[in-house]
Amino acid sequence: SQLNFNISSANLFFHRICLRLSYSSVTFHPSLFFHLKTIILELKKNLYGGGIMYLKNEDVKMEAVENARGGKGTIYKTSFLTKTEMKNSSRLFGKIVIPPGCSFGYHEHQDEGEAYHILQGTGLYNDNGETYEVHAGDTTYTMSGCGHGIENIGDEDLVLIALILLDK
């Protein structure tokens, strides 16, 4: 089904996704929010002729990924939009759940960058070999030509929003 809305309400789309995830009081880094708004407006303009698709919670599938990028254990990835919807602006917009003791292995990005916005938990973030703790509300960004990885070092699931932006 279609959900029609005007440009002034485009900002609500991302917040509705977060509400669907039961995170109603999340603060987002302004640059991440800007890129998400740009993607949403591009979708509205080019793909759906003035409207935008509406995904029900049951339509968004979670995928189990073993040893993601050489990491430990199983992580769970949910993609909110497909490559078709994102066109040539992004490769991933989704939620990653990393159980305690598991990790998303260190990997490098070429011709793209990736942002993580931490929703829940505590992680050890590897930023080109330098590590530091990240917590709910923190945002990281890895540019093209750089690498990163993240491990859950807490007692609860580490939950984050991931956005891969293609270089143009």
N, C-alpha and C. Protein backbone atom coordinates (compact mmCIF):
# COMPACT_ATOMS: atom_id res chain seq x y z
N SER A 1 0.83 -1.19 0.00
CA SER A 1 0.00 0.00 0.00
C SER A 1 0.87 1.24 0.00
N GLN A 2 0.26 2.38 -0.30
CA GLN A 2 0.99 3.64 -0.40
C GLN A 2 0.63 4.55 0.77
N LEU A 3 1.60 5.30 1.22
CA LEU A 3 1.38 6.32 2.24
C LEU A 3 1.77 7.64 1.62
N ASN A 4 0.81 8.52 1.35
CA ASN A 4 1.09 9.81 0.75
C ASN A 4 1.32 10.84 1.84
N PHE A 5 2.34 11.69 1.65
CA PHE A 5 2.58 12.74 2.60
C PHE A 5 3.30 13.88 1.91
N ASN A 6 3.27 15.07 2.49
CA ASN A 6 3.95 16.21 1.89
C ASN A 6 5.39 16.29 2.39
N ILE A 7 6.17 17.19 1.81
CA ILE A 7 7.59 17.28 2.14
C ILE A 7 7.80 17.60 3.61
N SER A 8 6.95 18.43 4.19
CA SER A 8 7.15 18.80 5.60
C SER A 8 7.01 17.61 6.53
N SER A 9 6.34 16.56 6.11
CA SER A 9 6.19 15.39 6.98
C SER A 9 7.20 14.29 6.65
N ALA A 10 8.13 14.54 5.71
CA ALA A 10 9.14 13.53 5.37
C ALA A 10 9.98 13.16 6.58
N ASN A 11 10.22 14.12 7.47
CA ASN A 11 11.01 13.86 8.67
C ASN A 11 10.36 12.80 9.55
N LEU A 12 9.06 12.66 9.49
CA LEU A 12 8.36 11.70 10.35
C LEU A 12 8.62 10.25 9.95
N PHE A 13 9.01 10.03 8.69
CA PHE A 13 9.18 8.67 8.21
C PHE A 13 10.20 7.90 9.04
N PHE A 14 11.39 8.49 9.27
CA PHE A 14 12.42 7.81 10.03
C PHE A 14 11.98 7.58 11.46
N HIS A 15 11.31 8.57 12.05
CA HIS A 15 10.83 8.42 13.42
C HIS A 15 9.78 7.32 13.51
N ARG A 16 8.97 7.16 12.49
CA ARG A 16 7.97 6.07 12.49
C ARG A 16 8.65 4.72 12.48
N ILE A 17 9.76 4.61 11.75
CA ILE A 17 10.52 3.36 11.75
C ILE A 17 11.01 3.07 13.16
N CYS A 18 11.54 4.10 13.81
CA CYS A 18 12.05 3.93 15.18
C CYS A 18 10.93 3.55 16.15
N LEU A 19 9.78 4.17 15.98
CA LEU A 19 8.65 3.82 16.83
C LEU A 19 8.25 2.36 16.62
N ARG A 20 8.30 1.91 15.37
CA ARG A 20 7.98 0.53 15.07
C ARG A 20 8.95 -0.40 15.78
N LEU A 21 10.16 0.08 16.02
CA LEU A 21 11.17 -0.71 16.74
C LEU A 21 11.05 -0.55 18.25
N SER A 22 10.06 0.24 18.68
CA SER A 22 9.81 0.52 20.09
C SER A 22 10.89 1.36 20.76
N TYR A 23 11.52 2.21 19.99
CA TYR A 23 12.49 3.16 20.52
C TYR A 23 11.93 4.55 20.27
N SER A 24 11.17 5.07 21.20
CA SER A 24 10.46 6.32 20.97
C SER A 24 11.22 7.56 21.40
N SER A 25 12.35 7.41 22.07
CA SER A 25 13.06 8.59 22.55
C SER A 25 14.52 8.58 22.11
N VAL A 26 14.75 8.30 20.84
CA VAL A 26 16.09 8.20 20.30
C VAL A 26 16.51 9.55 19.72
N THR A 27 17.75 9.96 20.00
CA THR A 27 18.31 11.18 19.43
C THR A 27 19.27 10.79 18.32
N PHE A 28 19.13 11.42 17.14
CA PHE A 28 19.95 11.08 15.99
C PHE A 28 20.94 12.18 15.68
N HIS A 29 22.13 11.80 15.24
CA HIS A 29 23.14 12.76 14.81
C HIS A 29 22.60 13.53 13.61
N PRO A 30 22.72 14.86 13.58
CA PRO A 30 22.12 15.67 12.51
C PRO A 30 22.55 15.26 11.10
N SER A 31 23.82 14.90 10.89
CA SER A 31 24.24 14.54 9.53
C SER A 31 23.61 13.23 9.09
N LEU A 32 23.44 12.27 10.00
CA LEU A 32 22.77 11.02 9.66
C LEU A 32 21.32 11.30 9.30
N PHE A 33 20.67 12.15 10.08
CA PHE A 33 19.27 12.50 9.82
C PHE A 33 19.15 13.20 8.46
N PHE A 34 20.09 14.09 8.13
CA PHE A 34 20.07 14.79 6.84
C PHE A 34 20.14 13.80 5.69
N HIS A 35 21.06 12.81 5.77
CA HIS A 35 21.20 11.83 4.70
C HIS A 35 19.94 10.97 4.58
N LEU A 36 19.35 10.60 5.69
CA LEU A 36 18.12 9.82 5.65
C LEU A 36 17.00 10.61 5.00
N LYS A 37 16.88 11.89 5.35
CA LYS A 37 15.85 12.73 4.75
C LYS A 37 16.07 12.85 3.24
N THR A 38 17.33 12.99 2.82
CA THR A 38 17.64 13.08 1.40
C THR A 38 17.21 11.81 0.68
N ILE A 39 17.50 10.64 1.27
CA ILE A 39 17.10 9.37 0.67
C ILE A 39 15.58 9.30 0.56
N ILE A 40 14.89 9.68 1.63
CA ILE A 40 13.43 9.61 1.63
C ILE A 40 12.84 10.53 0.57
N LEU A 41 13.36 11.74 0.45
CA LEU A 41 12.85 12.67 -0.55
C LEU A 41 13.13 12.19 -1.96
N GLU A 42 14.31 11.58 -2.17
CA GLU A 42 14.63 11.02 -3.48
C GLU A 42 13.66 9.90 -3.84
N LEU A 43 13.37 9.05 -2.86
CA LEU A 43 12.38 7.99 -3.09
C LEU A 43 11.04 8.58 -3.48
N LYS A 44 10.60 9.54 -2.74
CA LYS A 44 9.31 10.17 -2.97
C LYS A 44 9.25 10.78 -4.36
N LYS A 45 10.30 11.46 -4.75
CA LYS A 45 10.32 12.17 -6.02
C LYS A 45 10.43 11.24 -7.22
N ASN A 46 11.38 10.29 -7.18
CA ASN A 46 11.71 9.51 -8.36
C ASN A 46 11.06 8.14 -8.46
N LEU A 47 10.80 7.52 -7.35
CA LEU A 47 10.35 6.14 -7.41
C LEU A 47 8.84 5.99 -7.31
N TYR A 48 8.22 6.80 -6.50
CA TYR A 48 6.81 6.60 -6.23
C TYR A 48 5.93 7.75 -6.70
N GLY A 49 6.46 8.70 -7.46
CA GLY A 49 5.66 9.75 -8.05
C GLY A 49 4.85 10.56 -7.05
N GLY A 50 5.44 10.94 -5.94
CA GLY A 50 4.74 11.77 -4.97
C GLY A 50 4.32 11.04 -3.72
N GLY A 51 4.37 9.74 -3.69
CA GLY A 51 4.05 8.97 -2.49
C GLY A 51 5.25 8.16 -2.10
N ILE A 52 5.12 7.44 -1.04
CA ILE A 52 6.22 6.57 -0.61
C ILE A 52 5.62 5.27 -0.10
N MET A 53 6.34 4.19 -0.25
CA MET A 53 5.82 2.91 0.20
C MET A 53 5.72 2.89 1.72
N TYR A 54 4.89 2.02 2.20
CA TYR A 54 4.72 1.84 3.64
C TYR A 54 4.99 0.38 3.92
N LEU A 55 5.98 0.11 4.78
CA LEU A 55 6.30 -1.26 5.14
C LEU A 55 5.74 -1.56 6.52
N LYS A 56 4.92 -2.58 6.59
CA LYS A 56 4.43 -3.04 7.88
C LYS A 56 5.53 -3.85 8.55
N ASN A 57 5.48 -3.89 9.86
CA ASN A 57 6.50 -4.59 10.62
C ASN A 57 6.67 -6.03 10.14
N GLU A 58 5.57 -6.71 9.82
CA GLU A 58 5.67 -8.10 9.39
C GLU A 58 6.26 -8.25 7.99
N ASP A 59 6.37 -7.15 7.23
CA ASP A 59 6.97 -7.18 5.90
C ASP A 59 8.49 -7.01 5.94
N VAL A 60 9.03 -6.58 7.06
CA VAL A 60 10.46 -6.36 7.21
C VAL A 60 11.05 -7.59 7.88
N LYS A 61 11.89 -8.31 7.16
CA LYS A 61 12.42 -9.58 7.64
C LYS A 61 13.80 -9.44 8.26
N MET A 62 14.02 -10.16 9.36
CA MET A 62 15.31 -10.19 10.02
C MET A 62 16.10 -11.38 9.47
N GLU A 63 17.38 -11.14 9.18
CA GLU A 63 18.25 -12.17 8.63
C GLU A 63 19.36 -12.47 9.63
N ALA A 64 19.58 -13.74 9.92
CA ALA A 64 20.69 -14.15 10.79
C ALA A 64 21.95 -14.26 9.93
N VAL A 65 23.04 -13.66 10.41
CA VAL A 65 24.31 -13.69 9.67
C VAL A 65 25.38 -14.27 10.60
N GLU A 66 25.91 -15.42 10.22
CA GLU A 66 26.98 -16.08 10.99
C GLU A 66 28.32 -15.43 10.69
N ASN A 67 29.09 -15.17 11.71
CA ASN A 67 30.46 -14.65 11.57
C ASN A 67 30.54 -13.51 10.56
N ALA A 68 29.68 -12.50 10.74
CA ALA A 68 29.60 -11.36 9.81
C ALA A 68 30.96 -10.68 9.67
N ARG A 69 31.46 -10.63 8.45
CA ARG A 69 32.75 -10.00 8.13
C ARG A 69 33.88 -10.55 9.01
N GLY A 70 33.80 -11.84 9.33
CA GLY A 70 34.83 -12.47 10.16
C GLY A 70 34.63 -12.26 11.66
N GLY A 71 33.47 -11.74 12.05
CA GLY A 71 33.17 -11.51 13.45
C GLY A 71 32.82 -12.79 14.19
N LYS A 72 32.52 -12.63 15.48
CA LYS A 72 32.18 -13.76 16.35
C LYS A 72 30.68 -13.95 16.42
N GLY A 73 30.23 -15.19 16.40
CA GLY A 73 28.83 -15.53 16.63
C GLY A 73 27.89 -15.12 15.51
N THR A 74 26.62 -14.98 15.87
CA THR A 74 25.56 -14.65 14.92
C THR A 74 25.01 -13.27 15.24
N ILE A 75 24.90 -12.44 14.22
CA ILE A 75 24.24 -11.15 14.36
C ILE A 75 22.95 -11.21 13.56
N TYR A 76 22.08 -10.22 13.76
CA TYR A 76 20.79 -10.20 13.08
C TYR A 76 20.63 -8.86 12.37
N LYS A 77 20.33 -8.93 11.07
CA LYS A 77 20.25 -7.74 10.23
C LYS A 77 18.84 -7.62 9.67
N THR A 78 18.29 -6.42 9.78
CA THR A 78 16.99 -6.10 9.19
C THR A 78 17.19 -4.93 8.24
N SER A 79 16.88 -5.12 6.96
CA SER A 79 16.99 -4.03 5.98
C SER A 79 15.62 -3.39 5.84
N PHE A 80 15.57 -2.06 6.05
CA PHE A 80 14.30 -1.34 5.94
C PHE A 80 13.93 -1.07 4.48
N LEU A 81 14.95 -0.83 3.64
CA LEU A 81 14.72 -0.55 2.23
C LEU A 81 15.63 -1.43 1.39
N THR A 82 15.21 -1.74 0.17
CA THR A 82 16.03 -2.54 -0.74
C THR A 82 16.85 -1.61 -1.63
N LYS A 83 17.78 -2.20 -2.39
CA LYS A 83 18.58 -1.42 -3.32
C LYS A 83 17.70 -0.71 -4.35
N THR A 84 16.60 -1.34 -4.72
CA THR A 84 15.68 -0.72 -5.68
C THR A 84 15.14 0.59 -5.13
N GLU A 85 14.71 0.59 -3.89
CA GLU A 85 14.17 1.82 -3.30
C GLU A 85 15.25 2.88 -3.08
N MET A 86 16.45 2.45 -2.73
CA MET A 86 17.50 3.41 -2.43
C MET A 86 18.18 3.94 -3.69
N LYS A 87 17.90 3.31 -4.82
CA LYS A 87 18.52 3.68 -6.10
C LYS A 87 20.03 3.71 -5.95
N ASN A 88 20.67 4.78 -6.36
CA ASN A 88 22.13 4.85 -6.32
C ASN A 88 22.64 5.74 -5.20
N SER A 89 21.87 5.89 -4.13
CA SER A 89 22.31 6.75 -3.03
C SER A 89 22.89 5.96 -1.87
N SER A 90 22.42 4.75 -1.67
CA SER A 90 22.80 3.97 -0.49
C SER A 90 22.81 2.49 -0.82
N ARG A 91 23.48 1.73 0.04
CA ARG A 91 23.51 0.28 -0.12
C ARG A 91 22.79 -0.43 1.02
N LEU A 92 22.71 0.23 2.18
CA LEU A 92 22.04 -0.38 3.33
C LEU A 92 21.44 0.70 4.20
N PHE A 93 20.22 0.48 4.62
CA PHE A 93 19.56 1.26 5.67
C PHE A 93 18.82 0.24 6.49
N GLY A 94 19.32 -0.06 7.69
CA GLY A 94 18.70 -1.11 8.47
C GLY A 94 19.13 -1.13 9.92
N LYS A 95 18.63 -2.15 10.61
CA LYS A 95 18.92 -2.35 12.02
C LYS A 95 19.79 -3.58 12.17
N ILE A 96 20.80 -3.47 13.01
CA ILE A 96 21.69 -4.59 13.32
C ILE A 96 21.55 -4.89 14.81
N VAL A 97 21.35 -6.16 15.15
CA VAL A 97 21.31 -6.60 16.54
C VAL A 97 22.49 -7.55 16.75
N ILE A 98 23.34 -7.19 17.72
CA ILE A 98 24.52 -7.99 18.03
C ILE A 98 24.37 -8.49 19.47
N PRO A 99 24.14 -9.81 19.65
CA PRO A 99 23.99 -10.36 21.01
C PRO A 99 25.29 -10.23 21.81
N PRO A 100 25.20 -10.33 23.14
CA PRO A 100 26.39 -10.27 23.99
C PRO A 100 27.46 -11.28 23.54
N GLY A 101 28.71 -10.82 23.49
CA GLY A 101 29.81 -11.68 23.10
C GLY A 101 30.01 -11.84 21.60
N CYS A 102 29.11 -11.31 20.80
CA CYS A 102 29.21 -11.43 19.35
C CYS A 102 29.76 -10.13 18.75
N SER A 103 30.16 -10.20 17.48
CA SER A 103 30.72 -9.00 16.85
C SER A 103 30.45 -8.98 15.36
N PHE A 104 30.54 -7.79 14.80
CA PHE A 104 30.54 -7.55 13.36
C PHE A 104 32.00 -7.24 13.06
N GLY A 105 32.67 -8.15 12.34
CA GLY A 105 34.11 -8.06 12.15
C GLY A 105 34.61 -6.81 11.45
N TYR A 106 35.88 -6.53 11.66
CA TYR A 106 36.52 -5.37 11.04
C TYR A 106 36.48 -5.53 9.52
N HIS A 107 36.11 -4.47 8.82
CA HIS A 107 36.05 -4.47 7.36
C HIS A 107 36.28 -3.05 6.86
N GLU A 108 36.74 -2.95 5.62
CA GLU A 108 37.00 -1.65 5.01
C GLU A 108 35.93 -1.32 3.98
N HIS A 109 35.73 -0.03 3.78
CA HIS A 109 34.76 0.45 2.79
C HIS A 109 35.49 1.15 1.66
N GLN A 110 35.08 0.87 0.44
CA GLN A 110 35.61 1.51 -0.76
C GLN A 110 34.44 2.13 -1.52
N ASP A 111 34.57 3.39 -1.89
CA ASP A 111 33.55 4.11 -2.66
C ASP A 111 32.22 4.23 -1.91
N GLU A 112 32.30 4.19 -0.58
CA GLU A 112 31.12 4.33 0.26
C GLU A 112 31.57 4.61 1.69
N GLY A 113 30.66 5.12 2.50
CA GLY A 113 30.90 5.31 3.92
C GLY A 113 29.76 4.67 4.70
N GLU A 114 29.98 4.41 5.98
CA GLU A 114 28.93 3.79 6.78
C GLU A 114 28.82 4.47 8.14
N ALA A 115 27.58 4.75 8.51
CA ALA A 115 27.28 5.32 9.82
C ALA A 115 26.57 4.27 10.67
N TYR A 116 26.91 4.23 11.95
CA TYR A 116 26.18 3.44 12.94
C TYR A 116 25.61 4.43 13.94
N HIS A 117 24.34 4.26 14.27
CA HIS A 117 23.75 5.02 15.37
C HIS A 117 23.32 4.01 16.41
N ILE A 118 23.93 4.07 17.60
CA ILE A 118 23.69 3.08 18.64
C ILE A 118 22.37 3.39 19.35
N LEU A 119 21.47 2.40 19.34
CA LEU A 119 20.17 2.54 19.99
C LEU A 119 20.16 1.97 21.41
N GLN A 120 20.93 0.87 21.59
CA GLN A 120 20.89 0.16 22.87
C GLN A 120 22.19 -0.60 23.06
N GLY A 121 22.63 -0.70 24.29
CA GLY A 121 23.77 -1.54 24.62
C GLY A 121 25.10 -0.81 24.64
N THR A 122 26.16 -1.61 24.82
CA THR A 122 27.53 -1.10 24.89
C THR A 122 28.39 -1.90 23.94
N GLY A 123 29.15 -1.20 23.11
CA GLY A 123 30.01 -1.87 22.16
C GLY A 123 31.44 -1.38 22.23
N LEU A 124 32.34 -2.20 21.73
CA LEU A 124 33.73 -1.81 21.54
C LEU A 124 33.89 -1.58 20.05
N TYR A 125 34.06 -0.31 19.66
CA TYR A 125 34.12 0.08 18.25
C TYR A 125 35.57 0.18 17.81
N ASN A 126 35.91 -0.46 16.70
CA ASN A 126 37.25 -0.41 16.12
C ASN A 126 37.21 0.55 14.95
N ASP A 127 37.88 1.68 15.09
CA ASP A 127 37.93 2.73 14.06
C ASP A 127 39.35 2.79 13.50
N ASN A 128 39.60 2.02 12.43
CA ASN A 128 40.93 1.98 11.82
C ASN A 128 42.01 1.58 12.82
N GLY A 129 41.70 0.62 13.68
CA GLY A 129 42.68 0.12 14.64
C GLY A 129 42.62 0.78 16.00
N GLU A 130 41.95 1.91 16.12
CA GLU A 130 41.77 2.56 17.42
C GLU A 130 40.41 2.12 17.97
N THR A 131 40.39 1.65 19.22
CA THR A 131 39.14 1.16 19.80
C THR A 131 38.65 2.07 20.92
N TYR A 132 37.35 2.16 21.03
CA TYR A 132 36.72 2.90 22.12
C TYR A 132 35.31 2.40 22.32
N GLU A 133 34.78 2.63 23.52
CA GLU A 133 33.42 2.20 23.85
C GLU A 133 32.39 3.13 23.21
N VAL A 134 31.30 2.52 22.76
CA VAL A 134 30.16 3.28 22.26
C VAL A 134 28.93 2.86 23.04
N HIS A 135 28.01 3.81 23.21
CA HIS A 135 26.81 3.59 24.02
C HIS A 135 25.59 4.15 23.29
N ALA A 136 24.42 3.84 23.81
CA ALA A 136 23.17 4.36 23.24
C ALA A 136 23.26 5.87 23.05
N GLY A 137 22.89 6.33 21.85
CA GLY A 137 22.94 7.75 21.52
C GLY A 137 24.18 8.15 20.75
N ASP A 138 25.23 7.30 20.73
CA ASP A 138 26.45 7.61 19.99
C ASP A 138 26.27 7.30 18.51
N THR A 139 26.98 8.06 17.66
CA THR A 139 26.98 7.84 16.22
C THR A 139 28.42 7.76 15.75
N THR A 140 28.71 6.77 14.91
CA THR A 140 30.04 6.64 14.31
C THR A 140 29.90 6.78 12.80
N TYR A 141 31.00 7.14 12.14
CA TYR A 141 31.00 7.21 10.69
C TYR A 141 32.36 6.79 10.18
N THR A 142 32.37 5.90 9.19
CA THR A 142 33.59 5.43 8.55
C THR A 142 33.56 5.86 7.09
N MET A 143 34.59 6.58 6.66
CA MET A 143 34.67 7.08 5.29
C MET A 143 35.23 6.02 4.35
N SER A 144 35.07 6.27 3.06
CA SER A 144 35.66 5.42 2.03
C SER A 144 37.16 5.33 2.24
N GLY A 145 37.70 4.13 2.10
CA GLY A 145 39.12 3.91 2.30
C GLY A 145 39.49 3.61 3.74
N CYS A 146 38.53 3.63 4.63
CA CYS A 146 38.76 3.37 6.06
C CYS A 146 38.01 2.10 6.46
N GLY A 147 38.32 1.62 7.66
CA GLY A 147 37.69 0.41 8.15
C GLY A 147 37.16 0.54 9.56
N HIS A 148 36.26 -0.40 9.91
CA HIS A 148 35.68 -0.41 11.25
C HIS A 148 35.10 -1.79 11.55
N GLY A 149 34.81 -2.01 12.82
CA GLY A 149 34.14 -3.20 13.30
C GLY A 149 33.57 -2.88 14.67
N ILE A 150 32.69 -3.74 15.16
CA ILE A 150 32.08 -3.47 16.47
C ILE A 150 31.77 -4.79 17.17
N GLU A 151 32.03 -4.81 18.48
CA GLU A 151 31.78 -5.99 19.30
C GLU A 151 30.88 -5.62 20.47
N ASN A 152 29.95 -6.49 20.79
CA ASN A 152 29.09 -6.27 21.96
C ASN A 152 29.87 -6.69 23.20
N ILE A 153 30.15 -5.73 24.07
CA ILE A 153 30.89 -6.03 25.31
C ILE A 153 29.98 -5.91 26.53
N GLY A 154 28.69 -5.73 26.30
CA GLY A 154 27.74 -5.58 27.40
C GLY A 154 26.98 -6.86 27.69
N ASP A 155 25.99 -6.74 28.59
CA ASP A 155 25.17 -7.87 29.01
C ASP A 155 23.84 -7.95 28.27
N GLU A 156 23.54 -6.94 27.44
CA GLU A 156 22.29 -6.93 26.67
C GLU A 156 22.63 -6.81 25.18
N ASP A 157 21.63 -7.02 24.33
CA ASP A 157 21.85 -6.87 22.90
C ASP A 157 22.37 -5.47 22.58
N LEU A 158 23.32 -5.40 21.66
CA LEU A 158 23.78 -4.13 21.09
C LEU A 158 22.94 -3.91 19.83
N VAL A 159 22.17 -2.84 19.81
CA VAL A 159 21.25 -2.57 18.70
C VAL A 159 21.66 -1.25 18.06
N LEU A 160 21.79 -1.27 16.74
CA LEU A 160 22.20 -0.05 16.04
C LEU A 160 21.49 0.07 14.71
N ILE A 161 21.39 1.31 14.24
CA ILE A 161 20.92 1.60 12.89
C ILE A 161 22.17 1.75 12.04
N ALA A 162 22.20 1.09 10.88
CA ALA A 162 23.33 1.18 9.97
C ALA A 162 22.87 1.81 8.66
N LEU A 163 23.69 2.72 8.15
CA LEU A 163 23.41 3.38 6.88
C LEU A 163 24.68 3.43 6.08
N ILE A 164 24.68 2.78 4.90
CA ILE A 164 25.82 2.84 3.99
C ILE A 164 25.48 3.80 2.87
N LEU A 165 26.28 4.88 2.77
CA LEU A 165 26.07 5.91 1.76
C LEU A 165 27.12 5.76 0.66
N LEU A 166 26.67 5.68 -0.58
CA LEU A 166 27.59 5.52 -1.71
C LEU A 166 28.22 6.87 -2.05
N ASP A 167 29.52 6.84 -2.37
CA ASP A 167 30.20 8.06 -2.82
C ASP A 167 29.71 8.38 -4.23
N LYS A 168 29.56 9.63 -4.51
CA LYS A 168 29.13 10.04 -5.85
C LYS A 168 30.10 11.01 -6.42
